Amino acid sequence: MAAEDKLGRDTVMLDLRELVDSFDALVIASGRNDRQVRAIAEEIERLVDIALDVKPNHVEGWTSAEWIALDYGDVIVHVFDEAAREYYDLEHLWNAAPAFRSASIA
C-alpha cells in the first residue's frame, strides 16, 4: 500500500457506507514529520493516478503538512502527523464504522 511504501504508520480504512450518504470510506495514515506526511500523500496520489487514472477532487493541508486531506469523492484520505492524528482522533469519532487495518486493505 502507498502509505507503507513511504513508511507510513497505522493505516486504517473506515467503511462508512452504512453511516453516511456523502462518501463511502475514510483512509487514515500517519507520518512522523511534515516531510513524511507529504511523501505519503504524494505516493497515494501517484499510485491512485496510475492504478485508476483518478486525481483527487480537492486537496487540503500541503502548507503545514500536519494533516493532508485528499478528497476522491467516495473516498477521503487523511494523512496526519502523529500529534494531529491523536488530537483529532477520527477513529474514535467514527468508532461505529467497520475498520480494516493495513494488512487487510491491500
PDB file of N, CA and C in Angstrom:
ATOM      1  N   MET A   1       0.829  -1.180   0.000  1.00  0.00           N
ATOM      2  CA  MET A   1       0.000   0.000   0.000  1.00  0.00           C
ATOM      3  C   MET A   1       0.872   1.241   0.000  1.00  0.00           C
ATOM      4  N   ALA A   2       0.375   2.313  -0.567  1.00  0.00           N
ATOM      5  CA  ALA A   2       1.154   3.539  -0.768  1.00  0.00           C
ATOM      6  C   ALA A   2       1.719   4.089   0.536  1.00  0.00           C
ATOM      7  N   ALA A   3       0.921   4.122   1.598  1.00  0.00           N
ATOM      8  CA  ALA A   3       1.398   4.686   2.869  1.00  0.00           C
ATOM      9  C   ALA A   3       2.565   3.873   3.416  1.00  0.00           C
ATOM     10  N   GLU A   4       2.483   2.571   3.346  1.00  0.00           N
ATOM     11  CA  GLU A   4       3.558   1.734   3.848  1.00  0.00           C
ATOM     12  C   GLU A   4       4.817   1.855   2.989  1.00  0.00           C
ATOM     13  N   ASP A   5       4.635   2.123   1.698  1.00  0.00           N
ATOM     14  CA  ASP A   5       5.785   2.319   0.814  1.00  0.00           C
ATOM     15  C   ASP A   5       6.641   3.491   1.284  1.00  0.00           C
ATOM     16  N   LYS A   6       6.049   4.463   1.930  1.00  0.00           N
ATOM     17  CA  LYS A   6       6.760   5.642   2.446  1.00  0.00           C
ATOM     18  C   LYS A   6       6.865   5.610   3.970  1.00  0.00           C
ATOM     19  N   LEU A   7       6.807   4.402   4.538  1.00  0.00           N
ATOM     20  CA  LEU A   7       6.959   4.160   5.971  1.00  0.00           C
ATOM     21  C   LEU A   7       5.862   4.811   6.814  1.00  0.00           C
ATOM     22  N   GLY A   8       4.672   4.923   6.234  1.00  0.00           N
ATOM     23  CA  GLY A   8       3.523   5.402   6.990  1.00  0.00           C
ATOM     24  C   GLY A   8       3.178   4.421   8.092  1.00  0.00           C
ATOM     25  N   ARG A   9       2.478   4.925   9.090  1.00  0.00           N
ATOM     26  CA  ARG A   9       2.161   4.103  10.254  1.00  0.00           C
ATOM     27  C   ARG A   9       0.655   3.947  10.429  1.00  0.00           C
ATOM     28  N   ASP A  10       0.273   2.783  10.891  1.00  0.00           N
ATOM     29  CA  ASP A  10      -1.086   2.506  11.368  1.00  0.00           C
ATOM     30  C   ASP A  10      -2.169   2.931  10.377  1.00  0.00           C
ATOM     31  N   THR A  11      -2.049   2.455   9.136  1.00  0.00           N
ATOM     32  CA  THR A  11      -3.054   2.779   8.124  1.00  0.00           C
ATOM     33  C   THR A  11      -4.330   1.995   8.404  1.00  0.00           C
ATOM     34  N   VAL A  12      -5.459   2.702   8.329  1.00  0.00           N
ATOM     35  CA  VAL A  12      -6.757   2.094   8.569  1.00  0.00           C
ATOM     36  C   VAL A  12      -7.755   2.634   7.555  1.00  0.00           C
ATOM     37  N   MET A  13      -8.682   1.783   7.150  1.00  0.00           N
ATOM     38  CA  MET A  13      -9.782   2.206   6.279  1.00  0.00           C
ATOM     39  C   MET A  13     -11.061   2.001   7.069  1.00  0.00           C
ATOM     40  N   LEU A  14     -11.856   3.069   7.188  1.00  0.00           N
ATOM     41  CA  LEU A  14     -13.146   3.006   7.876  1.00  0.00           C
ATOM     42  C   LEU A  14     -14.246   2.947   6.828  1.00  0.00           C
ATOM     43  N   ASP A  15     -15.062   1.920   6.896  1.00  0.00           N
ATOM     44  CA  ASP A  15     -16.167   1.732   5.953  1.00  0.00           C
ATOM     45  C   ASP A  15     -17.387   2.471   6.495  1.00  0.00           C
ATOM     46  N   LEU A  16     -17.739   3.577   5.839  1.00  0.00           N
ATOM     47  CA  LEU A  16     -18.820   4.428   6.325  1.00  0.00           C
ATOM     48  C   LEU A  16     -20.099   4.315   5.512  1.00  0.00           C
ATOM     49  N   ARG A  17     -20.182   3.328   4.631  1.00  0.00           N
ATOM     50  CA  ARG A  17     -21.349   3.210   3.744  1.00  0.00           C
ATOM     51  C   ARG A  17     -22.663   3.101   4.491  1.00  0.00           C
ATOM     52  N   GLU A  18     -22.664   2.482   5.642  1.00  0.00           N
ATOM     53  CA  GLU A  18     -23.896   2.323   6.418  1.00  0.00           C
ATOM     54  C   GLU A  18     -24.167   3.506   7.349  1.00  0.00           C
ATOM     55  N   LEU A  19     -23.236   4.456   7.428  1.00  0.00           N
ATOM     56  CA  LEU A  19     -23.360   5.554   8.391  1.00  0.00           C
ATOM     57  C   LEU A  19     -23.625   6.920   7.763  1.00  0.00           C
ATOM     58  N   VAL A  20     -23.112   7.157   6.561  1.00  0.00           N
ATOM     59  CA  VAL A  20     -23.286   8.460   5.901  1.00  0.00           C
ATOM     60  C   VAL A  20     -23.576   8.248   4.420  1.00  0.00           C
ATOM     61  N   ASP A  21     -24.199   9.240   3.812  1.00  0.00           N
ATOM     62  CA  ASP A  21     -24.514   9.162   2.387  1.00  0.00           C
ATOM     63  C   ASP A  21     -23.512   9.921   1.518  1.00  0.00           C
ATOM     64  N   SER A  22     -22.714  10.798   2.103  1.00  0.00           N
ATOM     65  CA  SER A  22     -21.871  11.690   1.315  1.00  0.00           C
ATOM     66  C   SER A  22     -20.583  11.052   0.803  1.00  0.00           C
ATOM     67  N   PHE A  23     -20.079  10.006   1.451  1.00  0.00           N
ATOM     68  CA  PHE A  23     -18.903   9.276   0.974  1.00  0.00           C
ATOM     69  C   PHE A  23     -18.909   7.885   1.584  1.00  0.00           C
ATOM     70  N   ASP A  24     -18.076   7.008   1.024  1.00  0.00           N
ATOM     71  CA  ASP A  24     -18.091   5.598   1.424  1.00  0.00           C
ATOM     72  C   ASP A  24     -17.046   5.224   2.459  1.00  0.00           C
ATOM     73  N   ALA A  25     -15.880   5.880   2.408  1.00  0.00           N
ATOM     74  CA  ALA A  25     -14.788   5.426   3.271  1.00  0.00           C
ATOM     75  C   ALA A  25     -13.827   6.548   3.600  1.00  0.00           C
ATOM     76  N   LEU A  26     -13.192   6.391   4.750  1.00  0.00           N
ATOM     77  CA  LEU A  26     -12.056   7.218   5.139  1.00  0.00           C
ATOM     78  C   LEU A  26     -10.844   6.307   5.213  1.00  0.00           C
ATOM     79  N   VAL A  27      -9.748   6.745   4.643  1.00  0.00           N
ATOM     80  CA  VAL A  27      -8.472   6.070   4.821  1.00  0.00           C
ATOM     81  C   VAL A  27      -7.615   7.012   5.644  1.00  0.00           C
ATOM     82  N   ILE A  28      -7.028   6.496   6.709  1.00  0.00           N
ATOM     83  CA  ILE A  28      -6.245   7.308   7.631  1.00  0.00           C
ATOM     84  C   ILE A  28      -4.866   6.676   7.772  1.00  0.00           C
ATOM     85  N   ALA A  29      -3.839   7.513   7.664  1.00  0.00           N
ATOM     86  CA  ALA A  29      -2.463   7.049   7.852  1.00  0.00           C
ATOM     87  C   ALA A  29      -1.688   8.132   8.592  1.00  0.00           C
ATOM     88  N   SER A  30      -0.546   7.760   9.149  1.00  0.00           N
ATOM     89  CA  SER A  30       0.289   8.707   9.893  1.00  0.00           C
ATOM     90  C   SER A  30       1.710   8.697   9.376  1.00  0.00           C
ATOM     91  N   GLY A  31       2.331   9.870   9.470  1.00  0.00           N
ATOM     92  CA  GLY A  31       3.760  10.018   9.231  1.00  0.00           C
ATOM     93  C   GLY A  31       4.386  10.642  10.460  1.00  0.00           C
ATOM     94  N   ARG A  32       5.698  10.517  10.570  1.00  0.00           N
ATOM     95  CA  ARG A  32       6.384  11.019  11.761  1.00  0.00           C
ATOM     96  C   ARG A  32       6.660  12.522  11.725  1.00  0.00           C
ATOM     97  N   ASN A  33       6.721  13.114  10.532  1.00  0.00           N
ATOM     98  CA  ASN A  33       7.020  14.544  10.425  1.00  0.00           C
ATOM     99  C   ASN A  33       6.402  15.082   9.138  1.00  0.00           C
ATOM    100  N   ASP A  34       6.506  16.398   8.924  1.00  0.00           N
ATOM    101  CA  ASP A  34       5.858  17.010   7.771  1.00  0.00           C
ATOM    102  C   ASP A  34       6.384  16.479   6.443  1.00  0.00           C
ATOM    103  N   ARG A  35       7.673  16.222   6.348  1.00  0.00           N
ATOM    104  CA  ARG A  35       8.224  15.664   5.098  1.00  0.00           C
ATOM    105  C   ARG A  35       7.637  14.301   4.791  1.00  0.00           C
ATOM    106  N   GLN A  36       7.524  13.469   5.809  1.00  0.00           N
ATOM    107  CA  GLN A  36       6.977  12.142   5.595  1.00  0.00           C
ATOM    108  C   GLN A  36       5.486  12.202   5.284  1.00  0.00           C
ATOM    109  N   VAL A  37       4.744  13.086   5.935  1.00  0.00           N
ATOM    110  CA  VAL A  37       3.319  13.250   5.636  1.00  0.00           C
ATOM    111  C   VAL A  37       3.141  13.632   4.176  1.00  0.00           C
ATOM    112  N   ARG A  38       3.942  14.591   3.696  1.00  0.00           N
ATOM    113  CA  ARG A  38       3.867  14.977   2.278  1.00  0.00           C
ATOM    114  C   ARG A  38       4.231  13.817   1.360  1.00  0.00           C
ATOM    115  N   ALA A  39       5.282  13.078   1.704  1.00  0.00           N
ATOM    116  CA  ALA A  39       5.721  11.949   0.869  1.00  0.00           C
ATOM    117  C   ALA A  39       4.638  10.876   0.785  1.00  0.00           C
ATOM    118  N   ILE A  40       3.973  10.604   1.895  1.00  0.00           N
ATOM    119  CA  ILE A  40       2.894   9.605   1.902  1.00  0.00           C
ATOM    120  C   ILE A  40       1.750  10.082   1.016  1.00  0.00           C
ATOM    121  N   ALA A  41       1.327  11.338   1.190  1.00  0.00           N
ATOM    122  CA  ALA A  41       0.223  11.874   0.387  1.00  0.00           C
ATOM    123  C   ALA A  41       0.587  11.874  -1.101  1.00  0.00           C
ATOM    124  N   GLU A  42       1.803  12.262  -1.442  1.00  0.00           N
ATOM    125  CA  GLU A  42       2.241  12.257  -2.845  1.00  0.00           C
ATOM    126  C   GLU A  42       2.225  10.847  -3.428  1.00  0.00           C
ATOM    127  N   GLU A  43       2.658   9.878  -2.645  1.00  0.00           N
ATOM    128  CA  GLU A  43       2.682   8.486  -3.133  1.00  0.00           C
ATOM    129  C   GLU A  43       1.265   7.951  -3.318  1.00  0.00           C
ATOM    130  N   ILE A  44       0.369   8.300  -2.426  1.00  0.00           N
ATOM    131  CA  ILE A  44      -1.026   7.892  -2.586  1.00  0.00           C
ATOM    132  C   ILE A  44      -1.581   8.491  -3.872  1.00  0.00           C
ATOM    133  N   GLU A  45      -1.367   9.796  -4.068  1.00  0.00           N
ATOM    134  CA  GLU A  45      -1.836  10.445  -5.300  1.00  0.00           C
ATOM    135  C   GLU A  45      -1.266   9.761  -6.538  1.00  0.00           C
ATOM    136  N   ARG A  46       0.037   9.491  -6.516  1.00  0.00           N
ATOM    137  CA  ARG A  46       0.710   8.880  -7.667  1.00  0.00           C
ATOM    138  C   ARG A  46       0.143   7.504  -7.977  1.00  0.00           C
ATOM    139  N   LEU A  47       0.006   6.671  -6.964  1.00  0.00           N
ATOM    140  CA  LEU A  47      -0.450   5.303  -7.198  1.00  0.00           C
ATOM    141  C   LEU A  47      -1.928   5.229  -7.580  1.00  0.00           C
ATOM    142  N   VAL A  48      -2.762   6.092  -7.009  1.00  0.00           N
ATOM    143  CA  VAL A  48      -4.176   6.124  -7.404  1.00  0.00           C
ATOM    144  C   VAL A  48      -4.286   6.577  -8.855  1.00  0.00           C
ATOM    145  N   ASP A  49      -3.485   7.555  -9.233  1.00  0.00           N
ATOM    146  CA  ASP A  49      -3.490   8.033 -10.616  1.00  0.00           C
ATOM    147  C   ASP A  49      -3.053   6.928 -11.572  1.00  0.00           C
ATOM    148  N   ILE A  50      -2.008   6.192 -11.222  1.00  0.00           N
ATOM    149  CA  ILE A  50      -1.527   5.096 -12.071  1.00  0.00           C
ATOM    150  C   ILE A  50      -2.563   3.979 -12.160  1.00  0.00           C
ATOM    151  N   ALA A  51      -3.088   3.563 -11.014  1.00  0.00           N
ATOM    152  CA  ALA A  51      -3.988   2.409 -10.984  1.00  0.00           C
ATOM    153  C   ALA A  51      -5.377   2.718 -11.521  1.00  0.00           C
ATOM    154  N   LEU A  52      -5.886   3.913 -11.232  1.00  0.00           N
ATOM    155  CA  LEU A  52      -7.283   4.210 -11.545  1.00  0.00           C
ATOM    156  C   LEU A  52      -7.470   5.393 -12.489  1.00  0.00           C
ATOM    157  N   ASP A  53      -6.373   6.056 -12.832  1.00  0.00           N
ATOM    158  CA  ASP A  53      -6.432   7.265 -13.654  1.00  0.00           C
ATOM    159  C   ASP A  53      -7.375   8.294 -13.039  1.00  0.00           C
ATOM    160  N   VAL A  54      -7.226   8.473 -11.715  1.00  0.00           N
ATOM    161  CA  VAL A  54      -8.079   9.398 -10.967  1.00  0.00           C
ATOM    162  C   VAL A  54      -7.183  10.340 -10.170  1.00  0.00           C
ATOM    163  N   LYS A  55      -7.540  11.612 -10.200  1.00  0.00           N
ATOM    164  CA  LYS A  55      -6.872  12.623  -9.391  1.00  0.00           C
ATOM    165  C   LYS A  55      -7.848  13.069  -8.301  1.00  0.00           C
ATOM    166  N   PRO A  56      -7.343  13.547  -7.168  1.00  0.00           N
ATOM    167  CA  PRO A  56      -8.268  13.997  -6.124  1.00  0.00           C
ATOM    168  C   PRO A  56      -9.082  15.196  -6.588  1.00  0.00           C
ATOM    169  N   ASN A  57     -10.337  15.254  -6.143  1.00  0.00           N
ATOM    170  CA  ASN A  57     -11.195  16.409  -6.420  1.00  0.00           C
ATOM    171  C   ASN A  57     -10.691  17.645  -5.710  1.00  0.00           C
ATOM    172  N   HIS A  58     -10.118  17.441  -4.531  1.00  0.00           N
ATOM    173  CA  HIS A  58      -9.645  18.553  -3.719  1.00  0.00           C
ATOM    174  C   HIS A  58      -8.557  18.045  -2.780  1.00  0.00           C
ATOM    175  N   VAL A  59      -7.584  18.890  -2.507  1.00  0.00           N
ATOM    176  CA  VAL A  59      -6.509  18.558  -1.572  1.00  0.00           C
ATOM    177  C   VAL A  59      -6.359  19.724  -0.605  1.00  0.00           C
ATOM    178  N   GLU A  60      -6.226  19.413   0.669  1.00  0.00           N
ATOM    179  CA  GLU A  60      -6.020  20.430   1.706  1.00  0.00           C
ATOM    180  C   GLU A  60      -4.828  20.040   2.559  1.00  0.00           C
ATOM    181  N   GLY A  61      -4.102  21.033   3.049  1.00  0.00           N
ATOM    182  CA  GLY A  61      -3.108  20.807   4.081  1.00  0.00           C
ATOM    183  C   GLY A  61      -1.665  20.730   3.646  1.00  0.00           C
ATOM    184  N   TRP A  62      -1.349  20.968   2.378  1.00  0.00           N
ATOM    185  CA  TRP A  62       0.040  20.850   1.908  1.00  0.00           C
ATOM    186  C   TRP A  62       0.965  21.823   2.634  1.00  0.00           C
ATOM    187  N   THR A  63       0.486  23.015   2.960  1.00  0.00           N
ATOM    188  CA  THR A  63       1.359  24.044   3.520  1.00  0.00           C
ATOM    189  C   THR A  63       1.977  23.609   4.840  1.00  0.00           C
ATOM    190  N   SER A  64       1.153  23.210   5.787  1.00  0.00           N
ATOM    191  CA  SER A  64       1.694  22.824   7.094  1.00  0.00           C
ATOM    192  C   SER A  64       2.039  21.343   7.156  1.00  0.00           C
ATOM    193  N   ALA A  65       1.332  20.531   6.385  1.00  0.00           N
ATOM    194  CA  ALA A  65       1.525  19.067   6.343  1.00  0.00           C
ATOM    195  C   ALA A  65       1.371  18.406   7.704  1.00  0.00           C
ATOM    196  N   GLU A  66       0.595  19.018   8.595  1.00  0.00           N
ATOM    197  CA  GLU A  66       0.214  18.325   9.829  1.00  0.00           C
ATOM    198  C   GLU A  66      -0.905  17.345   9.522  1.00  0.00           C
ATOM    199  N   TRP A  67      -1.733  17.713   8.545  1.00  0.00           N
ATOM    200  CA  TRP A  67      -2.888  16.911   8.159  1.00  0.00           C
ATOM    201  C   TRP A  67      -3.186  17.227   6.702  1.00  0.00           C
ATOM    202  N   ILE A  68      -2.953  16.279   5.835  1.00  0.00           N
ATOM    203  CA  ILE A  68      -3.271  16.440   4.417  1.00  0.00           C
ATOM    204  C   ILE A  68      -4.492  15.585   4.120  1.00  0.00           C
ATOM    205  N   ALA A  69      -5.492  16.207   3.523  1.00  0.00           N
ATOM    206  CA  ALA A  69      -6.718  15.501   3.137  1.00  0.00           C
ATOM    207  C   ALA A  69      -6.799  15.456   1.619  1.00  0.00           C
ATOM    208  N   LEU A  70      -7.005  14.256   1.082  1.00  0.00           N
ATOM    209  CA  LEU A  70      -7.172  14.028  -0.358  1.00  0.00           C
ATOM    210  C   LEU A  70      -8.602  13.561  -0.569  1.00  0.00           C
ATOM    211  N   ASP A  71      -9.387  14.346  -1.270  1.00  0.00           N
ATOM    212  CA  ASP A  71     -10.802  14.039  -1.488  1.00  0.00           C
ATOM    213  C   ASP A  71     -10.977  13.398  -2.853  1.00  0.00           C
ATOM    214  N   TYR A  72     -11.296  12.119  -2.855  1.00  0.00           N
ATOM    215  CA  TYR A  72     -11.552  11.377  -4.088  1.00  0.00           C
ATOM    216  C   TYR A  72     -13.041  11.145  -4.309  1.00  0.00           C
ATOM    217  N   GLY A  73     -13.878  11.924  -3.674  1.00  0.00           N
ATOM    218  CA  GLY A  73     -15.324  11.760  -3.823  1.00  0.00           C
ATOM    219  C   GLY A  73     -15.864  10.735  -2.849  1.00  0.00           C
ATOM    220  N   ASP A  74     -15.892   9.486  -3.253  1.00  0.00           N
ATOM    221  CA  ASP A  74     -16.404   8.422  -2.383  1.00  0.00           C
ATOM    222  C   ASP A  74     -15.417   8.006  -1.300  1.00  0.00           C
ATOM    223  N   VAL A  75     -14.161   8.353  -1.486  1.00  0.00           N
ATOM    224  CA  VAL A  75     -13.119   8.004  -0.516  1.00  0.00           C
ATOM    225  C   VAL A  75     -12.337   9.268  -0.163  1.00  0.00           C
ATOM    226  N   ILE A  76     -12.188   9.509   1.131  1.00  0.00           N
ATOM    227  CA  ILE A  76     -11.401  10.629   1.627  1.00  0.00           C
ATOM    228  C   ILE A  76     -10.178  10.043   2.326  1.00  0.00           C
ATOM    229  N   VAL A  77      -9.001  10.510   1.943  1.00  0.00           N
ATOM    230  CA  VAL A  77      -7.751  10.037   2.541  1.00  0.00           C
ATOM    231  C   VAL A  77      -7.213  11.132   3.448  1.00  0.00           C
ATOM    232  N   HIS A  78      -6.895  10.759   4.684  1.00  0.00           N
ATOM    233  CA  HIS A  78      -6.307  11.686   5.654  1.00  0.00           C
ATOM    234  C   HIS A  78      -4.924  11.169   6.015  1.00  0.00           C
ATOM    235  N   VAL A  79      -3.919  12.006   5.819  1.00  0.00           N
ATOM    236  CA  VAL A  79      -2.556  11.673   6.237  1.00  0.00           C
ATOM    237  C   VAL A  79      -2.170  12.694   7.300  1.00  0.00           C
ATOM    238  N   PHE A  80      -1.944  12.201   8.490  1.00  0.00           N
ATOM    239  CA  PHE A  80      -1.667  13.047   9.657  1.00  0.00           C
ATOM    240  C   PHE A  80      -0.224  12.894  10.109  1.00  0.00           C
ATOM    241  N   ASP A  81       0.297  13.937  10.789  1.00  0.00           N
ATOM    242  CA  ASP A  81       1.446  13.666  11.630  1.00  0.00           C
ATOM    243  C   ASP A  81       0.876  13.036  12.897  1.00  0.00           C
ATOM    244  N   GLU A  82       1.717  12.431  13.694  1.00  0.00           N
ATOM    245  CA  GLU A  82       1.212  11.647  14.820  1.00  0.00           C
ATOM    246  C   GLU A  82       0.453  12.484  15.846  1.00  0.00           C
ATOM    247  N   ALA A  83       0.917  13.706  16.117  1.00  0.00           N
ATOM    248  CA  ALA A  83       0.238  14.555  17.107  1.00  0.00           C
ATOM    249  C   ALA A  83      -1.156  14.964  16.627  1.00  0.00           C
ATOM    250  N   ALA A  84      -1.280  15.344  15.351  1.00  0.00           N
ATOM    251  CA  ALA A  84      -2.591  15.744  14.820  1.00  0.00           C
ATOM    252  C   ALA A  84      -3.540  14.555  14.785  1.00  0.00           C
ATOM    253  N   ARG A  85      -3.034  13.383  14.435  1.00  0.00           N
ATOM    254  CA  ARG A  85      -3.906  12.206  14.408  1.00  0.00           C
ATOM    255  C   ARG A  85      -4.453  11.900  15.790  1.00  0.00           C
ATOM    256  N   GLU A  86      -3.598  11.985  16.772  1.00  0.00           N
ATOM    257  CA  GLU A  86      -4.052  11.734  18.141  1.00  0.00           C
ATOM    258  C   GLU A  86      -5.055  12.804  18.583  1.00  0.00           C
ATOM    259  N   TYR A  87      -4.795  14.048  18.245  1.00  0.00           N
ATOM    260  CA  TYR A  87      -5.668  15.148  18.656  1.00  0.00           C
ATOM    261  C   TYR A  87      -7.061  15.026  18.028  1.00  0.00           C
ATOM    262  N   TYR A  88      -7.129  14.814  16.704  1.00  0.00           N
ATOM    263  CA  TYR A  88      -8.424  14.769  16.017  1.00  0.00           C
ATOM    264  C   TYR A  88      -9.124  13.421  16.166  1.00  0.00           C
ATOM    265  N   ASP A  89      -8.376  12.354  16.341  1.00  0.00           N
ATOM    266  CA  ASP A  89      -8.891  11.028  16.684  1.00  0.00           C
ATOM    267  C   ASP A  89     -10.124  10.617  15.863  1.00  0.00           C
ATOM    268  N   LEU A  90      -9.969  10.632  14.537  1.00  0.00           N
ATOM    269  CA  LEU A  90     -11.088  10.290  13.659  1.00  0.00           C
ATOM    270  C   LEU A  90     -11.592   8.867  13.867  1.00  0.00           C
ATOM    271  N   GLU A  91     -10.697   7.966  14.248  1.00  0.00           N
ATOM    272  CA  GLU A  91     -11.147   6.592  14.508  1.00  0.00           C
ATOM    273  C   GLU A  91     -12.157   6.560  15.648  1.00  0.00           C
ATOM    274  N   HIS A  92     -11.950   7.369  16.666  1.00  0.00           N
ATOM    275  CA  HIS A  92     -12.906   7.421  17.775  1.00  0.00           C
ATOM    276  C   HIS A  92     -14.204   8.091  17.339  1.00  0.00           C
ATOM    277  N   LEU A  93     -14.078   9.172  16.562  1.00  0.00           N
ATOM    278  CA  LEU A  93     -15.261   9.878  16.066  1.00  0.00           C
ATOM    279  C   LEU A  93     -16.153   8.938  15.251  1.00  0.00           C
ATOM    280  N   TRP A  94     -15.544   8.076  14.451  1.00  0.00           N
ATOM    281  CA  TRP A  94     -16.279   7.141  13.592  1.00  0.00           C
ATOM    282  C   TRP A  94     -16.169   5.708  14.126  1.00  0.00           C
ATOM    283  N   ASN A  95     -16.195   5.531  15.445  1.00  0.00           N
ATOM    284  CA  ASN A  95     -15.980   4.202  16.031  1.00  0.00           C
ATOM    285  C   ASN A  95     -17.070   3.184  15.696  1.00  0.00           C
ATOM    286  N   ALA A  96     -18.199   3.616  15.176  1.00  0.00           N
ATOM    287  CA  ALA A  96     -19.248   2.673  14.766  1.00  0.00           C
ATOM    288  C   ALA A  96     -18.959   2.053  13.404  1.00  0.00           C
ATOM    289  N   ALA A  97     -17.984   2.571  12.694  1.00  0.00           N
ATOM    290  CA  ALA A  97     -17.645   2.066  11.354  1.00  0.00           C
ATOM    291  C   ALA A  97     -16.749   0.851  11.438  1.00  0.00           C
ATOM    292  N   PRO A  98     -16.979  -0.149  10.580  1.00  0.00           N
ATOM    293  CA  PRO A  98     -16.027  -1.248  10.499  1.00  0.00           C
ATOM    294  C   PRO A  98     -14.654  -0.711  10.080  1.00  0.00           C
ATOM    295  N   ALA A  99     -13.609  -1.171  10.745  1.00  0.00           N
ATOM    296  CA  ALA A  99     -12.251  -0.704  10.476  1.00  0.00           C
ATOM    297  C   ALA A  99     -11.410  -1.843   9.940  1.00  0.00           C
ATOM    298  N   PHE A 100     -10.615  -1.536   8.917  1.00  0.00           N
ATOM    299  CA  PHE A 100      -9.723  -2.517   8.305  1.00  0.00           C
ATOM    300  C   PHE A 100      -8.315  -1.957   8.353  1.00  0.00           C
ATOM    301  N   ARG A 101      -7.427  -2.647   9.061  1.00  0.00           N
ATOM    302  CA  ARG A 101      -6.035  -2.217   9.196  1.00  0.00           C
ATOM    303  C   ARG A 101      -5.263  -2.534   7.935  1.00  0.00           C
ATOM    304  N   SER A 102      -4.087  -1.951   7.801  1.00  0.00           N
ATOM    305  CA  SER A 102      -3.332  -2.006   6.550  1.00  0.00           C
ATOM    306  C   SER A 102      -3.105  -3.406   6.005  1.00  0.00           C
ATOM    307  N   ALA A 103      -2.902  -4.393   6.834  1.00  0.00           N
ATOM    308  CA  ALA A 103      -2.687  -5.748   6.337  1.00  0.00           C
ATOM    309  C   ALA A 103      -3.894  -6.285   5.586  1.00  0.00           C
ATOM    310  N   SER A 104      -5.095  -5.803   5.921  1.00  0.00           N
ATOM    311  CA  SER A 104      -6.302  -6.296   5.272  1.00  0.00           C
ATOM    312  C   SER A 104      -6.819  -5.357   4.187  1.00  0.00           C
ATOM    313  N   ILE A 105      -6.132  -4.215   3.952  1.00  0.00           N
ATOM    314  CA  ILE A 105      -6.579  -3.253   2.947  1.00  0.00           C
ATOM    315  C   ILE A 105      -6.045  -3.589   1.562  1.00  0.00           C
ATOM    316  N   ALA A 106      -4.781  -3.960   1.494  1.00  0.00           N
ATOM    317  CA  ALA A 106      -4.084  -4.164   0.219  1.00  0.00           C
ATOM    318  C   ALA A 106      -4.901  -4.993  -0.721  1.00  0.00           C
TER     319      ALA A 106
END
